[in-house]
N, C-alpha and C. Protein backbone atom coordinates (compact mmCIF):
# COMPACT_ATOMS: atom_id res chain seq x y z
N MET A 1 69.53 66.31 -101.87
CA MET A 1 70.26 67.57 -101.91
C MET A 1 71.49 67.44 -101.01
N ILE A 2 72.60 67.88 -101.53
CA ILE A 2 73.84 67.91 -100.75
C ILE A 2 73.83 69.19 -99.92
N ARG A 3 73.93 69.05 -98.64
CA ARG A 3 73.92 70.21 -97.75
C ARG A 3 75.35 70.66 -97.44
N PRO A 4 75.51 71.93 -97.06
CA PRO A 4 76.85 72.40 -96.71
C PRO A 4 77.50 71.48 -95.67
N GLY A 5 78.74 71.14 -95.91
CA GLY A 5 79.47 70.25 -95.02
C GLY A 5 79.38 68.79 -95.39
N GLU A 6 78.39 68.41 -96.21
CA GLU A 6 78.28 67.02 -96.65
C GLU A 6 79.24 66.77 -97.80
N GLU A 7 79.74 65.55 -97.88
CA GLU A 7 80.66 65.19 -98.94
C GLU A 7 79.91 65.00 -100.25
N PHE A 8 80.49 65.51 -101.33
CA PHE A 8 79.86 65.37 -102.65
C PHE A 8 80.07 63.94 -103.14
N PRO A 9 79.07 63.37 -103.85
CA PRO A 9 79.20 62.00 -104.34
C PRO A 9 80.38 61.82 -105.29
N SER A 10 80.96 60.64 -105.24
CA SER A 10 82.06 60.29 -106.14
C SER A 10 81.70 58.97 -106.80
N PRO A 11 81.96 58.80 -108.07
CA PRO A 11 82.66 59.72 -108.96
C PRO A 11 81.77 60.89 -109.36
N ASP A 12 82.39 61.93 -109.87
CA ASP A 12 81.64 63.09 -110.33
C ASP A 12 82.21 63.56 -111.66
N THR A 13 81.56 64.56 -112.22
CA THR A 13 82.06 65.20 -113.43
C THR A 13 81.97 66.70 -113.22
N ARG A 14 82.78 67.44 -113.95
CA ARG A 14 82.77 68.91 -113.87
C ARG A 14 82.96 69.47 -115.27
N PHE A 15 82.27 70.56 -115.54
CA PHE A 15 82.57 71.30 -116.77
C PHE A 15 82.51 72.79 -116.48
N ARG A 16 83.30 73.52 -117.24
CA ARG A 16 83.39 74.98 -117.08
C ARG A 16 82.63 75.66 -118.20
N LEU A 17 82.07 76.81 -117.86
CA LEU A 17 81.43 77.64 -118.87
C LEU A 17 81.52 79.10 -118.45
N PHE A 18 81.42 79.97 -119.43
CA PHE A 18 81.31 81.40 -119.16
C PHE A 18 79.85 81.78 -119.32
N VAL A 19 79.30 82.47 -118.33
CA VAL A 19 77.90 82.88 -118.37
C VAL A 19 77.70 83.83 -119.54
N SER A 20 76.78 83.48 -120.42
CA SER A 20 76.50 84.33 -121.58
C SER A 20 75.47 85.40 -121.22
N TYR A 21 75.45 86.46 -122.02
CA TYR A 21 74.50 87.56 -121.80
C TYR A 21 73.07 87.04 -121.82
N GLY A 22 72.78 86.13 -122.75
CA GLY A 22 71.43 85.59 -122.89
C GLY A 22 70.97 84.73 -121.73
N GLU A 23 71.89 84.33 -120.86
CA GLU A 23 71.53 83.52 -119.69
C GLU A 23 71.20 84.37 -118.47
N THR A 24 71.28 85.69 -118.62
CA THR A 24 71.09 86.58 -117.48
C THR A 24 69.82 87.40 -117.60
N ASP A 25 69.42 87.98 -116.48
CA ASP A 25 68.27 88.88 -116.47
C ASP A 25 68.77 90.32 -116.62
N ALA A 26 67.88 91.28 -116.44
CA ALA A 26 68.23 92.69 -116.64
C ALA A 26 69.29 93.18 -115.65
N MET A 27 69.48 92.46 -114.56
CA MET A 27 70.48 92.86 -113.56
C MET A 27 71.82 92.15 -113.78
N GLY A 28 71.91 91.36 -114.86
CA GLY A 28 73.16 90.65 -115.15
C GLY A 28 73.37 89.39 -114.33
N VAL A 29 72.32 88.93 -113.65
CA VAL A 29 72.37 87.72 -112.82
C VAL A 29 71.76 86.57 -113.62
N VAL A 30 72.33 85.37 -113.50
CA VAL A 30 71.80 84.22 -114.23
C VAL A 30 70.35 83.99 -113.86
N TYR A 31 69.49 83.91 -114.88
CA TYR A 31 68.08 83.59 -114.71
C TYR A 31 67.98 82.18 -114.12
N TYR A 32 67.15 82.01 -113.10
CA TYR A 32 67.13 80.75 -112.34
C TYR A 32 66.86 79.51 -113.20
N GLY A 33 66.07 79.63 -114.25
CA GLY A 33 65.76 78.48 -115.10
C GLY A 33 66.96 77.94 -115.84
N ASN A 34 67.99 78.76 -116.02
CA ASN A 34 69.17 78.30 -116.74
C ASN A 34 69.99 77.28 -115.95
N TYR A 35 69.85 77.28 -114.65
CA TYR A 35 70.56 76.27 -113.87
C TYR A 35 70.10 74.87 -114.25
N ALA A 36 68.80 74.70 -114.50
CA ALA A 36 68.28 73.38 -114.91
C ALA A 36 68.93 72.93 -116.21
N HIS A 37 69.15 73.86 -117.13
CA HIS A 37 69.82 73.52 -118.39
C HIS A 37 71.27 73.10 -118.12
N TRP A 38 71.95 73.81 -117.26
CA TRP A 38 73.33 73.45 -116.93
C TRP A 38 73.38 72.07 -116.28
N PHE A 39 72.40 71.77 -115.41
CA PHE A 39 72.37 70.47 -114.75
C PHE A 39 72.15 69.35 -115.77
N GLU A 40 71.30 69.60 -116.74
CA GLU A 40 71.07 68.61 -117.79
C GLU A 40 72.35 68.35 -118.57
N ARG A 41 73.08 69.39 -118.90
CA ARG A 41 74.37 69.22 -119.59
C ARG A 41 75.33 68.40 -118.74
N ALA A 42 75.35 68.66 -117.44
CA ALA A 42 76.24 67.93 -116.55
C ALA A 42 75.86 66.45 -116.47
N ARG A 43 74.55 66.15 -116.42
CA ARG A 43 74.11 64.74 -116.42
C ARG A 43 74.57 64.04 -117.68
N GLY A 44 74.39 64.70 -118.83
CA GLY A 44 74.82 64.11 -120.09
C GLY A 44 76.31 63.85 -120.13
N GLN A 45 77.09 64.81 -119.65
CA GLN A 45 78.55 64.63 -119.62
C GLN A 45 78.93 63.51 -118.67
N PHE A 46 78.28 63.44 -117.51
CA PHE A 46 78.55 62.38 -116.53
C PHE A 46 78.37 61.01 -117.19
N MET A 47 77.29 60.85 -117.92
CA MET A 47 77.01 59.57 -118.57
C MET A 47 78.00 59.28 -119.70
N ARG A 48 78.30 60.29 -120.53
CA ARG A 48 79.26 60.09 -121.63
C ARG A 48 80.62 59.67 -121.11
N GLU A 49 81.05 60.25 -120.00
CA GLU A 49 82.35 59.89 -119.43
C GLU A 49 82.38 58.44 -118.94
N ARG A 50 81.21 57.85 -118.80
CA ARG A 50 81.11 56.46 -118.38
C ARG A 50 80.71 55.54 -119.53
N GLY A 51 80.81 56.06 -120.76
CA GLY A 51 80.62 55.24 -121.95
C GLY A 51 79.21 55.14 -122.49
N LEU A 52 78.27 55.93 -121.96
CA LEU A 52 76.90 55.89 -122.44
C LEU A 52 76.39 57.30 -122.69
N SER A 53 75.78 57.51 -123.83
CA SER A 53 75.12 58.79 -124.07
C SER A 53 73.67 58.67 -123.61
N TYR A 54 73.03 59.79 -123.35
CA TYR A 54 71.62 59.79 -123.00
C TYR A 54 70.81 59.12 -124.11
N ALA A 55 71.15 59.42 -125.36
CA ALA A 55 70.43 58.83 -126.50
C ALA A 55 70.53 57.31 -126.48
N GLU A 56 71.70 56.78 -126.17
CA GLU A 56 71.88 55.32 -126.12
C GLU A 56 71.06 54.71 -124.98
N VAL A 57 71.04 55.37 -123.85
CA VAL A 57 70.24 54.88 -122.72
C VAL A 57 68.77 54.81 -123.12
N GLU A 58 68.27 55.85 -123.79
CA GLU A 58 66.87 55.86 -124.22
C GLU A 58 66.61 54.79 -125.27
N ARG A 59 67.56 54.57 -126.20
CA ARG A 59 67.38 53.50 -127.20
C ARG A 59 67.26 52.13 -126.52
N ARG A 60 67.86 52.00 -125.37
CA ARG A 60 67.77 50.75 -124.61
C ARG A 60 66.48 50.66 -123.79
N GLY A 61 65.64 51.68 -123.92
CA GLY A 61 64.34 51.66 -123.24
C GLY A 61 64.34 52.20 -121.83
N VAL A 62 65.42 52.84 -121.43
CA VAL A 62 65.49 53.41 -120.08
C VAL A 62 65.27 54.92 -120.18
N MET A 63 64.25 55.40 -119.51
CA MET A 63 63.94 56.83 -119.51
C MET A 63 64.33 57.41 -118.15
N LEU A 64 64.87 58.61 -118.18
CA LEU A 64 65.31 59.27 -116.95
C LEU A 64 64.64 60.64 -116.82
N PRO A 65 63.32 60.67 -116.59
CA PRO A 65 62.65 61.96 -116.45
C PRO A 65 63.05 62.65 -115.15
N VAL A 66 63.08 63.96 -115.19
CA VAL A 66 63.31 64.72 -113.96
C VAL A 66 61.96 64.85 -113.28
N ARG A 67 61.83 64.24 -112.11
CA ARG A 67 60.56 64.26 -111.38
C ARG A 67 60.52 65.34 -110.32
N GLU A 68 61.68 65.73 -109.86
CA GLU A 68 61.74 66.73 -108.78
C GLU A 68 63.07 67.44 -108.86
N MET A 69 63.04 68.74 -108.56
CA MET A 69 64.28 69.51 -108.56
C MET A 69 64.20 70.56 -107.46
N SER A 70 65.26 70.66 -106.69
CA SER A 70 65.35 71.65 -105.63
C SER A 70 66.71 72.31 -105.73
N VAL A 71 66.73 73.63 -105.61
CA VAL A 71 67.98 74.37 -105.73
C VAL A 71 68.10 75.33 -104.55
N ARG A 72 69.26 75.35 -103.93
CA ARG A 72 69.55 76.34 -102.89
C ARG A 72 70.58 77.30 -103.47
N TYR A 73 70.18 78.56 -103.64
CA TYR A 73 71.07 79.57 -104.21
C TYR A 73 71.82 80.26 -103.08
N LEU A 74 73.13 80.13 -103.09
CA LEU A 74 73.95 80.74 -102.04
C LEU A 74 74.54 82.08 -102.48
N ALA A 75 74.79 82.22 -103.78
CA ALA A 75 75.33 83.46 -104.33
C ALA A 75 75.00 83.48 -105.82
N PRO A 76 74.77 84.65 -106.40
CA PRO A 76 74.42 84.70 -107.81
C PRO A 76 75.62 84.48 -108.73
N ALA A 77 75.35 83.85 -109.85
CA ALA A 77 76.32 83.82 -110.95
C ALA A 77 75.96 84.99 -111.86
N ARG A 78 76.96 85.64 -112.42
CA ARG A 78 76.73 86.86 -113.19
C ARG A 78 77.31 86.77 -114.59
N TYR A 79 76.84 87.66 -115.43
CA TYR A 79 77.28 87.73 -116.82
C TYR A 79 78.81 87.73 -116.92
N ASP A 80 79.32 86.91 -117.81
CA ASP A 80 80.73 86.79 -118.18
C ASP A 80 81.61 86.16 -117.10
N GLU A 81 81.02 85.68 -116.01
CA GLU A 81 81.80 84.95 -115.01
C GLU A 81 82.03 83.52 -115.50
N GLU A 82 83.17 82.97 -115.14
CA GLU A 82 83.41 81.56 -115.40
C GLU A 82 82.87 80.77 -114.21
N VAL A 83 82.09 79.74 -114.49
CA VAL A 83 81.56 78.89 -113.43
C VAL A 83 81.89 77.43 -113.75
N VAL A 84 81.90 76.62 -112.72
CA VAL A 84 82.08 75.18 -112.84
C VAL A 84 80.78 74.52 -112.40
N VAL A 85 80.28 73.61 -113.21
CA VAL A 85 79.09 72.83 -112.87
C VAL A 85 79.57 71.41 -112.57
N ARG A 86 79.17 70.90 -111.43
CA ARG A 86 79.60 69.58 -110.96
C ARG A 86 78.38 68.69 -110.79
N ALA A 87 78.49 67.42 -111.19
CA ALA A 87 77.37 66.48 -111.05
C ALA A 87 77.88 65.12 -110.60
N GLY A 88 77.07 64.45 -109.82
CA GLY A 88 77.36 63.08 -109.38
C GLY A 88 76.08 62.41 -108.94
N ILE A 89 76.09 61.11 -108.86
CA ILE A 89 74.91 60.37 -108.41
C ILE A 89 74.95 60.26 -106.89
N SER A 90 73.90 60.76 -106.24
CA SER A 90 73.84 60.72 -104.78
C SER A 90 73.05 59.51 -104.28
N GLN A 91 72.12 59.01 -105.09
CA GLN A 91 71.34 57.82 -104.74
C GLN A 91 70.93 57.12 -106.02
N TRP A 92 70.83 55.81 -105.96
CA TRP A 92 70.28 55.08 -107.09
C TRP A 92 69.70 53.76 -106.61
N SER A 93 68.73 53.29 -107.38
CA SER A 93 68.09 52.01 -107.11
C SER A 93 67.66 51.42 -108.45
N ARG A 94 66.99 50.32 -108.40
CA ARG A 94 66.51 49.68 -109.64
C ARG A 94 65.54 50.59 -110.39
N ALA A 95 64.83 51.45 -109.67
CA ALA A 95 63.78 52.26 -110.28
C ALA A 95 64.08 53.75 -110.38
N SER A 96 65.15 54.23 -109.76
CA SER A 96 65.39 55.67 -109.80
C SER A 96 66.87 56.00 -109.64
N VAL A 97 67.19 57.21 -110.09
CA VAL A 97 68.54 57.75 -109.95
C VAL A 97 68.40 59.19 -109.45
N THR A 98 69.17 59.56 -108.46
CA THR A 98 69.16 60.93 -107.96
C THR A 98 70.55 61.53 -108.18
N PHE A 99 70.57 62.63 -108.92
CA PHE A 99 71.82 63.35 -109.17
C PHE A 99 71.94 64.51 -108.19
N ALA A 100 73.16 64.83 -107.82
CA ALA A 100 73.47 66.02 -107.02
C ALA A 100 74.30 66.95 -107.90
N TYR A 101 74.14 68.25 -107.68
CA TYR A 101 74.85 69.24 -108.49
C TYR A 101 75.42 70.33 -107.59
N GLN A 102 76.48 70.94 -108.07
CA GLN A 102 77.01 72.16 -107.47
C GLN A 102 77.44 73.08 -108.61
N VAL A 103 77.28 74.37 -108.40
CA VAL A 103 77.78 75.37 -109.34
C VAL A 103 78.63 76.32 -108.52
N PHE A 104 79.86 76.53 -108.96
CA PHE A 104 80.74 77.43 -108.23
C PHE A 104 81.69 78.11 -109.18
N GLY A 105 82.30 79.19 -108.71
CA GLY A 105 83.22 79.95 -109.53
C GLY A 105 84.66 79.56 -109.24
N PRO A 106 85.45 79.26 -110.27
CA PRO A 106 86.87 78.93 -110.04
C PRO A 106 87.67 80.21 -109.82
N PRO A 107 88.93 80.15 -109.45
CA PRO A 107 89.63 78.91 -109.10
C PRO A 107 89.49 78.55 -107.64
N ASP A 108 88.87 79.40 -106.84
CA ASP A 108 88.84 79.16 -105.40
C ASP A 108 87.66 78.31 -104.95
N GLY A 109 86.79 77.90 -105.88
CA GLY A 109 85.66 77.04 -105.54
C GLY A 109 84.52 77.76 -104.84
N SER A 110 84.50 79.10 -104.94
CA SER A 110 83.45 79.85 -104.26
C SER A 110 82.12 79.74 -104.97
């Protein structure tokens, strides 16, 4: 987990999205489970930008299951807000890969 003040891993990828109504709860706040979906999209984009799709990696016999996930929520994302999802590899070895993520609202990076 990247803690406040720590440098985010490089290289990274970013994508923007507008929070849809279906991603929120009755209070208009993003349902916590949707962050995992956004992180998965970011992982896929990170790999595609480096010339490999998730499907191609799996065809090569490499599986990347999510074994653990921890999220620190600093502020809620809300319906119709534009957010940026950022992903990068924070650790890797022959047997594992650890991705780091950030979600923030543009343009000020909050």
